[in-house]
N, C-alpha and C. Protein backbone atom coordinates (compact mmCIF):
# COMPACT_ATOMS: atom_id res chain seq x y z
N MET A 1 0.99 -1.13 -0.30
CA MET A 1 0.00 -0.22 0.22
C MET A 1 0.64 1.16 0.30
N LYS A 2 1.52 1.36 0.42
CA LYS A 2 2.82 2.53 0.80
C LYS A 2 3.32 2.58 -0.15
N THR A 3 3.67 1.66 -1.60
CA THR A 3 4.69 1.18 -2.78
C THR A 3 3.52 2.39 -3.56
N LYS A 4 1.93 2.07 -2.97
CA LYS A 4 1.33 2.59 -4.35
C LYS A 4 0.79 3.95 -3.68
N ILE A 5 1.39 4.63 -2.67
CA ILE A 5 0.41 5.89 -2.46
C ILE A 5 2.16 6.57 -2.54
N VAL A 6 3.12 6.41 -2.80
CA VAL A 6 4.51 6.93 -3.31
C VAL A 6 4.56 7.57 -4.74
N GLU A 7 3.71 6.16 -5.56
CA GLU A 7 3.91 5.91 -7.31
C GLU A 7 2.54 7.13 -7.15
N ARG A 8 1.99 6.73 -6.64
CA ARG A 8 0.62 7.85 -6.69
C ARG A 8 1.10 9.09 -6.73
N ALA A 9 1.95 10.20 -5.42
CA ALA A 9 1.87 11.10 -5.92
C ALA A 9 3.37 11.56 -5.98
N LEU A 10 4.15 11.08 -6.78
CA LEU A 10 5.68 11.21 -7.97
C LEU A 10 4.15 11.29 -9.07
N MET A 11 3.02 10.96 -9.63
CA MET A 11 2.85 10.98 -10.53
C MET A 11 1.95 12.36 -10.61
N GLU A 12 1.74 12.92 -9.39
CA GLU A 12 1.58 14.34 -9.34
C GLU A 12 2.05 15.54 -9.30
N LEU A 13 3.52 15.05 -9.56
CA LEU A 13 4.88 15.55 -9.91
C LEU A 13 4.63 16.81 -11.24
N GLN A 14 4.27 17.90 -11.41
CA GLN A 14 4.32 18.64 -12.72
C GLN A 14 5.07 19.74 -11.97
N TRP A 15 6.33 20.44 -13.63
CA TRP A 15 7.50 21.08 -13.65
C TRP A 15 5.77 22.39 -14.04
N GLN A 16 6.22 23.48 -12.76
CA GLN A 16 5.56 24.77 -13.24
C GLN A 16 6.41 26.14 -13.69
N ILE A 17 5.90 26.68 -14.60
CA ILE A 17 6.94 28.01 -15.47
C ILE A 17 5.96 29.16 -14.54
N CYS A 18 7.15 29.53 -13.55
CA CYS A 18 6.83 30.68 -13.27
C CYS A 18 7.74 32.09 -13.86
N SER A 19 8.40 31.84 -15.30
CA SER A 19 8.58 32.96 -15.45
C SER A 19 9.37 32.92 -16.89
N GLU A 20 9.95 33.68 -17.50
CA GLU A 20 10.60 33.17 -19.05
C GLU A 20 12.24 32.70 -18.56
N THR A 21 12.45 33.04 -17.06
CA THR A 21 13.40 32.24 -16.83
C THR A 21 13.73 31.26 -15.25
N ASN A 22 12.15 31.28 -14.86
CA ASN A 22 12.24 30.18 -14.20
C ASN A 22 11.29 28.89 -14.10
N LEU A 23 12.00 27.77 -13.46
CA LEU A 23 10.83 26.81 -13.40
C LEU A 23 10.54 26.20 -12.11
N ALA A 24 9.57 25.96 -11.51
CA ALA A 24 9.72 25.54 -10.17
C ALA A 24 8.93 23.97 -10.15
N LEU A 25 9.51 23.27 -9.39
CA LEU A 25 9.04 21.98 -8.93
C LEU A 25 8.52 21.15 -7.23
N PHE A 26 7.41 21.08 -7.16
CA PHE A 26 6.55 21.28 -5.86
C PHE A 26 6.41 19.47 -5.26
N PHE A 27 7.67 18.65 -4.56
CA PHE A 27 6.62 17.46 -4.53
C PHE A 27 5.04 17.39 -3.70
N PRO A 28 4.51 16.52 -4.05
CA PRO A 28 3.20 16.53 -2.72
C PRO A 28 3.56 16.26 -1.47
N LYS A 29 2.80 17.40 -0.53
CA LYS A 29 2.80 16.16 0.66
C LYS A 29 2.14 14.96 0.96
N PRO A 30 3.48 14.06 2.53
CA PRO A 30 4.43 14.68 3.02
C PRO A 30 5.33 14.63 2.87
N MET A 31 5.84 15.98 3.90
CA MET A 31 7.70 16.33 2.94
C MET A 31 8.01 14.24 3.88
N THR A 32 8.86 14.40 2.71
CA THR A 32 9.69 13.13 3.18
C THR A 32 11.78 12.96 2.80
N LEU A 33 12.05 12.03 3.32
CA LEU A 33 13.84 12.48 3.33
C LEU A 33 14.12 11.73 1.63
N ASP A 34 12.97 10.39 1.38
CA ASP A 34 12.99 9.75 0.51
C ASP A 34 12.75 10.94 -1.16
N LYS A 35 11.86 11.88 -1.11
CA LYS A 35 11.06 12.69 -1.73
C LYS A 35 12.36 14.18 -1.75
N GLN A 36 13.36 14.57 -0.43
CA GLN A 36 13.71 15.21 -0.40
C GLN A 36 15.79 14.86 -1.68
N GLN A 37 15.88 13.32 -0.91
CA GLN A 37 16.89 12.50 -1.46
C GLN A 37 16.77 12.79 -3.15
N LYS A 38 15.23 12.16 -4.08
CA LYS A 38 15.25 12.35 -5.35
C LYS A 38 15.52 14.24 -5.93
N CYS A 39 15.25 15.00 -5.47
CA CYS A 39 14.78 16.59 -5.10
C CYS A 39 16.94 16.44 -5.69
N TRP A 40 18.17 16.35 -4.71
CA TRP A 40 18.66 16.19 -4.61
C TRP A 40 19.61 15.41 -6.05
N ALA A 41 18.91 14.33 -6.05
CA ALA A 41 19.30 14.03 -7.84
C ALA A 41 19.04 14.62 -8.91
N LEU A 42 18.10 15.07 -9.33
CA LEU A 42 17.92 15.65 -10.19
C LEU A 42 17.58 16.97 -9.87
N ALA A 43 18.44 17.47 -8.93
CA ALA A 43 19.48 18.81 -9.37
C ALA A 43 20.48 18.85 -10.27
N ASP A 44 21.15 17.72 -9.63
CA ASP A 44 21.78 16.52 -9.96
C ASP A 44 22.32 16.61 -11.72
N SER A 45 21.05 16.37 -11.76
CA SER A 45 21.26 15.90 -13.72
C SER A 45 20.96 17.80 -14.05
N ILE A 46 19.75 17.86 -13.76
CA ILE A 46 19.23 19.46 -14.92
C ILE A 46 20.37 20.62 -14.56
N GLN A 47 21.61 20.07 -13.28
CA GLN A 47 22.15 21.62 -13.06
C GLN A 47 23.95 21.49 -14.82
N GLN A 48 23.97 19.79 -15.43
CA GLN A 48 24.04 19.59 -16.05
C GLN A 48 23.16 20.45 -18.20
N LEU A 49 22.37 20.48 -17.38
CA LEU A 49 22.14 20.93 -19.27
C LEU A 49 22.59 22.82 -19.87
N PRO A 50 22.16 22.78 -20.66
CA PRO A 50 23.52 23.66 -20.91
C PRO A 50 22.72 25.21 -20.70
N GLU A 51 20.78 25.14 -20.62
CA GLU A 51 20.05 26.39 -20.68
C GLU A 51 20.14 26.78 -18.81
N VAL A 52 20.54 25.93 -18.51
CA VAL A 52 20.88 26.21 -16.92
C VAL A 52 21.91 27.02 -15.71
N ILE A 53 21.89 28.17 -15.67
CA ILE A 53 22.48 29.05 -14.57
C ILE A 53 22.36 28.51 -13.51
N GLU A 54 21.45 27.68 -12.61
CA GLU A 54 21.15 27.95 -11.48
C GLU A 54 20.02 26.29 -10.66
N VAL A 55 20.34 25.74 -9.94
CA VAL A 55 19.01 24.99 -9.66
C VAL A 55 19.44 25.29 -8.36
N VAL A 56 18.08 25.31 -7.30
CA VAL A 56 18.45 26.16 -6.14
C VAL A 56 17.56 25.31 -5.51
N ILE A 57 17.54 24.11 -4.49
CA ILE A 57 16.76 23.25 -3.60
C ILE A 57 16.20 23.74 -2.55
N GLY A 58 14.51 23.23 -2.40
CA GLY A 58 14.59 23.82 -1.03
C GLY A 58 13.56 22.35 -0.55
N MET A 59 12.67 22.79 0.31
CA MET A 59 12.30 21.29 1.30
C MET A 59 10.78 20.92 -0.02
N ASN A 60 11.50 19.30 -0.47
CA ASN A 60 11.31 18.65 -1.04
C ASN A 60 10.31 20.03 -2.49
N THR A 61 11.05 20.35 -2.45
CA THR A 61 11.12 21.37 -3.87
C THR A 61 12.31 21.85 -4.47
N LEU A 62 12.21 22.19 -6.20
CA LEU A 62 13.65 22.89 -6.62
C LEU A 62 12.89 23.81 -7.23
N SER A 63 13.62 25.09 -8.07
CA SER A 63 13.45 26.23 -8.53
C SER A 63 15.02 26.41 -9.08
N VAL A 64 14.88 25.71 -10.56
CA VAL A 64 15.78 26.13 -11.92
C VAL A 64 15.00 27.13 -12.77
N PHE A 65 16.43 27.97 -12.35
CA PHE A 65 16.92 29.64 -13.02
C PHE A 65 17.77 28.98 -14.62
N ILE A 66 17.29 29.96 -15.68
CA ILE A 66 17.16 29.51 -16.81
C ILE A 66 17.79 31.27 -17.38
N VAL A 67 18.74 30.73 -18.75
CA VAL A 67 18.89 31.90 -19.35
C VAL A 67 17.00 32.05 -19.72
N SER A 68 17.07 33.71 -20.07
CA SER A 68 15.61 33.78 -21.13
C SER A 68 15.59 33.16 -22.37
N LEU A 69 14.23 32.77 -22.54
CA LEU A 69 13.89 31.32 -23.53
C LEU A 69 12.57 32.25 -24.32
N PRO A 70 12.71 32.11 -25.27
CA PRO A 70 11.33 33.07 -25.90
C PRO A 70 10.33 31.25 -25.93
N TRP A 71 8.92 31.93 -25.75
CA TRP A 71 7.58 30.72 -25.44
C TRP A 71 7.56 29.67 -25.28
N SER A 72 7.85 29.38 -26.93
CA SER A 72 7.73 27.91 -27.59
C SER A 72 8.83 27.43 -26.79
N GLU A 73 10.40 28.01 -27.25
CA GLU A 73 11.41 27.48 -26.53
C GLU A 73 11.29 26.63 -25.08
N LEU A 74 10.65 28.10 -24.21
CA LEU A 74 10.18 27.71 -22.60
C LEU A 74 9.28 26.29 -22.69
N LYS A 75 8.25 25.63 -23.51
CA LYS A 75 7.91 24.98 -23.57
C LYS A 75 8.22 23.63 -23.30
N ASP A 76 9.40 24.01 -24.71
CA ASP A 76 10.40 22.73 -25.30
C ASP A 76 11.09 21.96 -23.89
N PHE A 77 11.63 22.83 -23.23
CA PHE A 77 12.51 23.01 -21.98
C PHE A 77 11.23 22.34 -21.12
N LYS A 78 10.86 22.78 -20.73
CA LYS A 78 9.41 22.52 -19.73
C LYS A 78 9.68 20.28 -19.88
N ASP A 79 9.22 20.38 -21.23
CA ASP A 79 8.64 19.13 -21.19
C ASP A 79 10.05 17.65 -21.40
N ARG A 80 11.38 18.59 -21.45
CA ARG A 80 11.97 17.58 -21.20
C ARG A 80 12.70 17.97 -19.67
N LEU A 81 12.53 18.88 -19.26
CA LEU A 81 12.85 18.73 -17.52
C LEU A 81 11.33 17.34 -17.26
N SER A 82 10.31 17.63 -18.10
CA SER A 82 9.22 16.06 -17.44
C SER A 82 9.71 14.65 -17.65
N THR A 83 10.66 14.78 -18.42
CA THR A 83 10.76 13.37 -19.32
C THR A 83 11.82 12.70 -18.01
N LEU A 84 12.53 13.87 -17.27
CA LEU A 84 13.32 13.44 -15.91
C LEU A 84 12.74 13.32 -14.89
N LEU A 85 11.34 12.96 -14.76
CA LEU A 85 9.84 13.29 -13.94
C LEU A 85 9.75 11.37 -13.89
N ASP A 86 10.08 10.36 -14.91
CA ASP A 86 9.47 9.63 -15.23
C ASP A 86 10.56 8.51 -14.21
N ASP A 87 11.62 8.39 -14.24
CA ASP A 87 12.19 7.79 -13.51
C ASP A 87 12.91 7.90 -12.74
N ILE A 88 12.42 8.36 -11.34
CA ILE A 88 13.57 9.57 -11.19
C ILE A 88 14.73 9.14 -9.27
N PRO A 89 15.77 8.48 -9.67
CA PRO A 89 16.53 7.77 -8.35
C PRO A 89 16.61 9.07 -7.50
N SER A 90 17.38 7.84 -6.82
CA SER A 90 17.30 9.28 -5.32
C SER A 90 19.22 8.93 -4.95
N LYS A 91 19.33 9.87 -4.44
CA LYS A 91 20.79 10.53 -4.14
C LYS A 91 21.02 11.01 -2.42
N THR A 92 21.77 9.52 -2.00
CA THR A 92 21.84 9.73 -0.59
C THR A 92 23.67 9.87 -0.85
N ILE A 93 23.28 11.09 0.42
CA ILE A 93 24.63 12.21 0.77
C ILE A 93 25.05 11.61 2.56
N ASN A 94 26.17 10.99 2.34
CA ASN A 94 26.56 10.45 3.67
C ASN A 94 27.32 11.74 3.92
N GLY A 95 26.65 12.26 4.64
CA GLY A 95 26.89 13.79 4.42
C GLY A 95 27.63 12.87 6.97
N LYS A 96 27.86 13.87 7.43
CA LYS A 96 28.88 14.15 8.46
C LYS A 96 27.36 14.08 10.17
N HIS A 97 27.54 13.01 10.84
CA HIS A 97 27.07 13.71 12.35
C HIS A 97 27.75 14.63 13.73
N ILE A 98 26.45 15.16 14.08
CA ILE A 98 27.35 16.31 14.97
C ILE A 98 25.87 16.75 16.27
N GLU A 99 26.35 16.31 17.22
CA GLU A 99 25.18 16.65 18.44
C GLU A 99 25.14 18.82 18.65
N ILE A 100 24.11 18.96 19.12
CA ILE A 100 24.00 20.71 19.68
C ILE A 100 23.42 20.61 20.77
N PRO A 101 24.54 20.71 21.24
CA PRO A 101 23.21 21.36 23.02
C PRO A 101 22.11 22.65 22.93
N VAL A 102 21.34 22.04 23.98
CA VAL A 102 20.36 23.37 23.80
C VAL A 102 20.32 22.98 25.45
N HIS A 103 20.05 24.83 25.38
CA HIS A 103 18.86 25.55 27.38
C HIS A 103 17.59 25.39 26.04
N TYR A 104 16.85 24.47 27.39
CA TYR A 104 15.52 24.07 26.57
C TYR A 104 14.42 25.23 27.97
N GLY A 105 13.28 26.02 27.22
CA GLY A 105 12.26 26.72 28.20
C GLY A 105 12.85 28.05 28.89
N GLY A 106 12.45 28.28 29.67
CA GLY A 106 12.87 30.00 30.61
C GLY A 106 13.00 30.37 29.65
N GLN A 107 13.94 31.79 29.93
CA GLN A 107 13.97 32.91 28.44
C GLN A 107 15.28 32.27 27.61
N TYR A 108 15.39 31.16 27.51
CA TYR A 108 15.94 30.45 26.30
C TYR A 108 15.23 29.98 25.07
N GLY A 109 13.53 29.41 25.73
CA GLY A 109 12.72 28.96 25.09
C GLY A 109 11.25 29.79 25.50
N PRO A 110 11.38 30.70 25.08
CA PRO A 110 9.48 31.73 26.01
C PRO A 110 8.65 30.61 24.90
N ASP A 111 8.35 30.18 24.17
CA ASP A 111 7.28 29.46 23.64
C ASP A 111 7.22 28.08 23.82
N LEU A 112 8.64 27.46 25.04
CA LEU A 112 8.03 25.74 24.55
C LEU A 112 6.70 25.42 25.41
N LYS A 113 6.47 26.05 26.70
CA LYS A 113 5.33 25.73 27.74
C LYS A 113 4.12 26.27 27.63
N ALA A 114 3.61 26.55 26.83
CA ALA A 114 2.42 26.89 26.01
C ALA A 114 2.70 26.66 25.03
N MET A 115 3.51 25.87 24.13
CA MET A 115 3.41 24.76 23.40
C MET A 115 3.01 23.94 23.80
N ALA A 116 4.00 23.00 24.53
CA ALA A 116 3.64 21.98 25.83
C ALA A 116 1.55 22.04 25.39
N ASN A 117 1.32 22.99 26.69
CA ASN A 117 0.18 23.24 26.38
C ASN A 117 -0.77 22.54 25.26
N GLU A 118 -0.03 23.80 24.59
CA GLU A 118 -1.04 22.98 23.40
C GLU A 118 -1.74 21.50 23.02
N LEU A 119 -0.33 21.84 23.39
CA LEU A 119 0.19 19.65 22.41
C LEU A 119 -0.69 19.20 23.62
N GLY A 120 -0.52 19.37 24.35
CA GLY A 120 -1.32 17.88 25.77
C GLY A 120 0.09 17.41 26.03
N LEU A 121 0.72 17.78 26.72
CA LEU A 121 1.70 17.01 26.88
C LEU A 121 2.63 18.53 27.79
N SER A 122 3.87 17.29 28.83
CA SER A 122 4.79 17.93 29.94
C SER A 122 5.39 18.89 28.81
N VAL A 123 6.27 19.33 29.55
CA VAL A 123 7.68 20.26 29.09
C VAL A 123 8.55 19.16 28.98
N ALA A 124 8.64 18.41 29.52
CA ALA A 124 10.08 16.95 29.49
C ALA A 124 9.87 16.74 28.37
N ALA A 125 8.19 15.56 28.09
CA ALA A 125 8.04 15.21 26.63
C ALA A 125 8.28 16.09 25.62
N VAL A 126 7.95 16.60 25.36
CA VAL A 126 8.55 17.84 24.41
C VAL A 126 9.83 18.19 23.91
N VAL A 127 10.57 18.27 25.34
CA VAL A 127 12.02 17.86 25.35
C VAL A 127 12.18 16.70 24.81
N ASP A 128 12.13 15.87 25.39
CA ASP A 128 12.07 14.27 24.96
C ASP A 128 12.03 13.38 23.37
N LEU A 129 10.99 14.46 23.09
CA LEU A 129 10.61 14.31 21.90
C LEU A 129 11.42 14.85 20.45
N HIS A 130 11.51 15.97 21.13
CA HIS A 130 12.74 17.07 20.06
C HIS A 130 13.76 16.27 20.85
N THR A 131 14.47 15.42 21.13
CA THR A 131 16.22 15.24 21.59
C THR A 131 16.06 14.01 20.99
N GLU A 132 15.15 13.05 21.60
CA GLU A 132 15.45 12.37 20.38
C GLU A 132 15.45 11.25 19.04
N ALA A 133 15.14 12.93 18.41
CA ALA A 133 15.29 12.69 16.96
C ALA A 133 16.35 12.50 16.44
N THR A 134 16.55 11.50 15.44
CA THR A 134 18.17 12.09 14.99
C THR A 134 17.46 12.88 13.79
N TYR A 135 18.86 14.23 13.26
CA TYR A 135 17.19 15.20 12.13
C TYR A 135 18.69 14.96 11.15
N THR A 136 17.59 15.09 9.45
CA THR A 136 18.66 15.37 8.71
C THR A 136 18.85 16.42 7.84
N VAL A 137 19.56 17.43 7.78
CA VAL A 137 19.55 18.37 6.55
C VAL A 137 18.88 18.16 5.13
N TYR A 138 17.81 19.30 5.14
CA TYR A 138 17.36 18.79 3.95
C TYR A 138 17.91 19.62 3.10
N PHE A 139 18.44 21.23 3.69
CA PHE A 139 18.42 22.42 2.86
C PHE A 139 19.33 23.36 3.35
N ILE A 140 19.89 24.15 3.67
CA ILE A 140 20.23 26.24 3.92
C ILE A 140 19.60 26.58 3.68
N GLY A 141 19.31 27.34 4.03
CA GLY A 141 18.46 28.44 3.18
C GLY A 141 17.96 29.26 4.25
N PHE A 142 17.46 30.43 4.02
CA PHE A 142 16.84 31.36 5.18
C PHE A 142 17.83 32.79 5.68
N GLN A 143 18.97 32.06 6.02
CA GLN A 143 20.30 32.72 6.42
C GLN A 143 21.22 32.06 6.12
N PRO A 144 22.82 32.29 6.66
CA PRO A 144 23.73 31.76 6.13
C PRO A 144 24.03 31.11 6.87
N GLY A 145 24.04 29.60 6.48
CA GLY A 145 23.85 28.41 7.54
C GLY A 145 22.73 27.56 8.58
N PHE A 146 21.76 28.14 8.36
CA PHE A 146 20.15 27.92 9.14
C PHE A 146 19.89 27.08 7.70
N PRO A 147 19.49 25.91 9.02
CA PRO A 147 19.67 24.24 8.21
C PRO A 147 17.83 24.05 9.11
N TYR A 148 17.66 23.48 7.46
CA TYR A 148 15.80 22.85 7.03
C TYR A 148 16.15 21.11 7.46
N LEU A 149 15.86 20.65 8.42
CA LEU A 149 15.43 19.52 9.12
C LEU A 149 14.43 18.12 9.37
N GLY A 150 15.02 17.41 8.46
CA GLY A 150 13.87 16.58 8.29
C GLY A 150 13.92 15.67 9.33
N GLY A 151 13.22 14.79 10.22
CA GLY A 151 12.96 14.15 11.00
C GLY A 151 11.33 14.47 11.84
N LEU A 152 11.32 15.58 12.65
CA LEU A 152 10.77 15.66 13.28
C LEU A 152 9.46 14.58 14.13
N SER A 153 8.99 14.64 14.69
CA SER A 153 8.33 13.56 15.14
C SER A 153 6.84 14.40 15.30
N GLU A 154 6.01 13.62 14.23
CA GLU A 154 4.62 14.19 14.30
C GLU A 154 3.88 15.02 15.73
N SER A 155 4.23 14.23 17.02
CA SER A 155 3.69 14.76 17.52
C SER A 155 4.16 16.21 18.51
N LEU A 156 5.04 16.97 17.48
CA LEU A 156 6.03 18.13 17.31
C LEU A 156 5.64 18.87 16.97
N TYR A 157 4.48 18.76 15.77
CA TYR A 157 3.85 19.74 14.48
C TYR A 157 3.02 20.90 15.04
N PHE A 158 3.68 22.02 15.09
CA PHE A 158 2.84 22.87 15.11
C PHE A 158 3.46 24.18 14.37
N PRO A 159 1.68 25.08 14.50
CA PRO A 159 1.84 25.86 13.64
C PRO A 159 3.11 27.62 13.56
N ARG A 160 3.61 27.59 12.89
CA ARG A 160 4.69 29.40 13.26
C ARG A 160 3.26 30.04 13.75
N HIS A 161 4.01 31.03 14.29
CA HIS A 161 2.85 32.25 15.20
C HIS A 161 2.60 32.91 13.78
N ALA A 162 1.16 33.74 14.56
CA ALA A 162 0.76 34.30 13.23
C ALA A 162 1.38 35.71 12.77
N ILE A 163 1.78 35.90 13.88
CA ILE A 163 3.00 37.83 13.90
C ILE A 163 3.73 37.60 14.09
N PRO A 164 5.51 37.56 13.72
CA PRO A 164 6.21 36.85 13.94
C PRO A 164 6.76 37.72 15.07
N ARG A 165 8.17 37.11 15.43
CA ARG A 165 8.87 38.21 16.46
C ARG A 165 9.56 38.57 14.99
N THR A 166 10.39 40.44 15.75
CA THR A 166 10.99 40.91 15.18
C THR A 166 12.28 40.89 15.48
N GLN A 167 12.65 40.29 16.49
CA GLN A 167 13.74 39.82 17.22
C GLN A 167 14.04 38.48 17.58
N VAL A 168 14.24 37.76 16.56
CA VAL A 168 15.04 36.18 17.76
C VAL A 168 16.33 36.08 17.89
N PRO A 169 16.64 35.47 18.54
CA PRO A 169 18.37 35.74 19.32
C PRO A 169 19.44 34.73 18.55
N ALA A 170 20.27 35.05 17.91
CA ALA A 170 21.11 33.80 16.81
C ALA A 170 21.43 32.59 18.52
N GLY A 171 21.15 31.38 17.57
CA GLY A 171 21.38 30.28 18.20
C GLY A 171 20.42 29.92 18.67
N SER A 172 18.68 30.80 18.54
CA SER A 172 17.27 29.87 19.42
C SER A 172 16.85 29.18 18.01
N VAL A 173 16.66 27.56 19.03
CA VAL A 173 15.76 27.04 18.50
C VAL A 173 14.36 26.23 18.30
N GLY A 174 13.63 26.26 17.18
CA GLY A 174 12.33 26.20 17.27
C GLY A 174 11.83 24.94 16.53
N ILE A 175 10.96 25.64 16.23
CA ILE A 175 10.22 24.51 15.33
C ILE A 175 8.48 25.41 14.56
N GLY A 176 8.91 25.06 13.28
CA GLY A 176 7.64 25.37 12.44
C GLY A 176 7.26 24.94 11.41
N GLY A 177 5.77 24.29 12.12
CA GLY A 177 5.11 23.47 10.48
C GLY A 177 5.91 22.43 11.02
N GLU A 178 6.39 21.76 10.49
CA GLU A 178 6.93 19.96 10.52
C GLU A 178 8.03 20.13 10.55
N GLN A 179 8.67 21.17 10.61
CA GLN A 179 10.64 20.92 10.85
C GLN A 179 10.55 21.56 11.59
N THR A 180 12.13 21.57 12.17
CA THR A 180 12.72 22.05 13.38
C THR A 180 14.20 22.85 12.64
N GLY A 181 14.81 23.77 13.49
CA GLY A 181 15.81 23.92 12.68
C GLY A 181 16.52 25.23 13.69
N VAL A 182 17.52 26.22 13.40
CA VAL A 182 18.47 26.83 14.49
C VAL A 182 18.63 28.03 13.68
N TYR A 183 18.23 29.38 14.59
CA TYR A 183 18.16 30.90 13.39
C TYR A 183 20.37 30.72 13.71
N PRO A 184 20.95 30.74 12.93
CA PRO A 184 22.22 31.30 13.15
C PRO A 184 22.53 32.92 13.75
N PHE A 185 21.50 33.69 13.37
CA PHE A 185 22.27 34.72 13.18
C PHE A 185 20.38 35.60 13.52
N GLU A 186 20.59 36.34 14.34
CA GLU A 186 19.09 36.88 14.96
C GLU A 186 18.87 38.07 13.98
N SER A 187 17.49 37.46 14.62
CA SER A 187 16.57 37.98 12.56
C SER A 187 14.88 38.44 13.55
N PRO A 188 14.35 38.79 12.61
CA PRO A 188 12.22 38.28 12.37
C PRO A 188 12.62 36.71 11.96
N GLY A 189 11.82 36.15 12.58
CA GLY A 189 11.00 35.09 12.54
C GLY A 189 10.03 34.44 13.65
N GLY A 190 9.27 33.95 13.03
CA GLY A 190 7.73 32.79 13.52
C GLY A 190 7.78 31.83 13.89
N TRP A 191 9.28 30.90 13.81
CA TRP A 191 8.77 30.40 14.65
C TRP A 191 8.58 29.61 16.00
N GLN A 192 8.32 28.80 16.50
CA GLN A 192 8.34 27.99 18.02
C GLN A 192 9.32 28.78 19.09
N LEU A 193 9.53 28.80 19.22
CA LEU A 193 11.31 28.82 19.86
C LEU A 193 11.15 28.04 20.92
N LEU A 194 12.26 26.86 20.92
CA LEU A 194 11.80 25.97 22.13
C LEU A 194 13.40 25.98 23.05
N GLY A 195 14.13 26.64 22.80
CA GLY A 195 15.68 26.95 23.36
C GLY A 195 16.74 27.47 22.53
N LYS A 196 17.87 27.70 22.99
CA LYS A 196 19.05 28.06 22.79
C LYS A 196 20.24 27.32 22.51
N THR A 197 21.16 27.14 21.75
CA THR A 197 21.96 26.66 22.02
C THR A 197 23.39 27.82 21.81
N ASP A 198 24.56 27.09 22.02
CA ASP A 198 25.75 28.37 21.69
C ASP A 198 26.50 27.80 21.12
N THR A 199 26.09 26.91 19.80
CA THR A 199 26.68 26.24 19.01
C THR A 199 26.70 27.17 17.64
N SER A 200 27.78 27.46 17.55
CA SER A 200 27.84 28.81 15.82
C SER A 200 27.69 27.33 14.83
N LEU A 201 27.02 28.31 14.03
CA LEU A 201 26.74 27.37 12.67
C LEU A 201 27.01 28.20 11.64
N PHE A 202 27.46 29.22 11.76
CA PHE A 202 28.17 30.19 10.21
C PHE A 202 29.54 31.02 11.12
N ASP A 203 30.58 30.34 10.56
CA ASP A 203 31.74 31.64 10.51
C ASP A 203 32.74 31.63 9.47
N LEU A 204 32.73 33.18 8.92
CA LEU A 204 33.43 32.62 8.31
C LEU A 204 34.86 32.59 8.09
N ASN A 205 35.46 32.16 9.43
CA ASN A 205 36.91 32.60 9.59
C ASN A 205 37.50 31.07 8.95
N LYS A 206 36.38 30.32 9.11
CA LYS A 206 36.96 29.55 8.68
C LYS A 206 36.50 28.57 7.08
N SER A 207 37.62 27.37 6.78
CA SER A 207 37.37 26.83 5.27
C SER A 207 36.13 26.59 5.04
N SER A 208 35.13 25.78 5.75
CA SER A 208 33.55 25.56 5.68
C SER A 208 32.65 26.70 6.57
N PRO A 209 32.54 27.58 5.87
CA PRO A 209 31.88 28.39 6.89
C PRO A 209 30.74 28.21 7.83
N THR A 210 30.01 27.32 6.65
CA THR A 210 28.45 26.68 7.90
C THR A 210 28.73 25.47 8.15
N LEU A 211 28.54 25.46 9.21
CA LEU A 211 28.84 23.61 10.31
C LEU A 211 27.97 22.90 9.26
N LEU A 212 26.95 22.66 9.24
CA LEU A 212 25.98 22.29 8.17
C LEU A 212 25.85 22.18 6.68
N ASN A 213 25.18 21.17 6.12
CA ASN A 213 25.04 20.35 4.97
C ASN A 213 24.30 19.74 4.72
N ALA A 214 24.00 19.84 3.55
CA ALA A 214 22.71 19.24 3.45
C ALA A 214 22.86 17.35 3.17
N GLY A 215 22.29 16.68 3.90
CA GLY A 215 23.30 15.31 4.54
C GLY A 215 23.41 15.01 5.72
N ASP A 216 24.02 16.08 5.78
CA ASP A 216 24.73 16.00 7.98
C ASP A 216 23.32 15.63 7.99
N THR A 217 23.70 15.00 9.50
CA THR A 217 22.60 14.47 10.68
C THR A 217 22.92 14.69 12.16
N LEU A 218 22.08 15.28 12.96
CA LEU A 218 21.98 15.88 13.98
C LEU A 218 21.20 15.52 15.13
N LYS A 219 21.76 15.92 16.32
CA LYS A 219 20.57 15.62 17.47
C LYS A 219 20.66 16.43 18.14
N PHE A 220 19.84 16.83 18.95
CA PHE A 220 19.46 18.08 19.57
C PHE A 220 20.35 16.74 21.17
N THR A 221 20.93 17.94 22.15
CA THR A 221 20.84 17.41 23.88
C THR A 221 20.28 18.41 24.57
N ALA A 222 19.85 17.78 25.42
CA ALA A 222 19.43 18.68 26.60
C ALA A 222 20.62 19.39 27.57
N ILE A 223 20.87 20.73 28.00
CA ILE A 223 21.56 20.93 28.67
C ILE A 223 20.99 20.89 30.55
N ASP A 224 20.10 21.57 29.98
CA ASP A 224 18.95 21.52 31.29
C ASP A 224 17.81 22.26 30.20
N ILE A 225 16.86 22.15 31.33
CA ILE A 225 15.26 22.49 30.38
C ILE A 225 14.48 23.51 31.83
N TYR A 226 14.04 24.04 31.56
CA TYR A 226 13.79 25.48 32.36
C TYR A 226 11.75 25.14 31.85
N GLU A 227 10.77 25.65 33.20
CA GLU A 227 10.38 26.05 33.21
C GLU A 227 9.62 27.37 32.26
């Protein structure tokens, strides 16, 4: 049954022409690692096409930027991309694994207690669910070094704030919908803040400035928990 569901979902895939220089592909929900691995594989193939300037990978999505084409050639290019959807391979990235220690709750995670109440869980149970999972970095976006992570327990799915904060501290660990992640820099943001880490996710003084890259895995560990 699961195989049939996956096959049906892949049949729904269709490239969308967004402009004369951009096409986009969105995998149907739910978000999964298998679909992300297909995005990685497709990006490698598409990047080789002569018309392509850049392929940007998102969360189970792809955005392809190309040289400007007249409408007839653009439709032909879309058809060429569509042929790649007939049998999409998967790409496994054997990245590194790290642990990120977190101060949960209190001043570090101002949304933790309220979120736990809404979910009908204790604060400790939320932290347990958040720290027991092994997450995979699907892609880096929003800020330099900001990891979008797959693997969040469905029990912790929670909507973003309707009105985002104007300032989210650097190192904040949060949940937004079906995803969890870490803010490398202070910025506005609407994610539910569970805690904060002192781990630096971006450092220009290093040969590889981003701590995490697509395909890496990580676990969060609790330093302490404040109610």
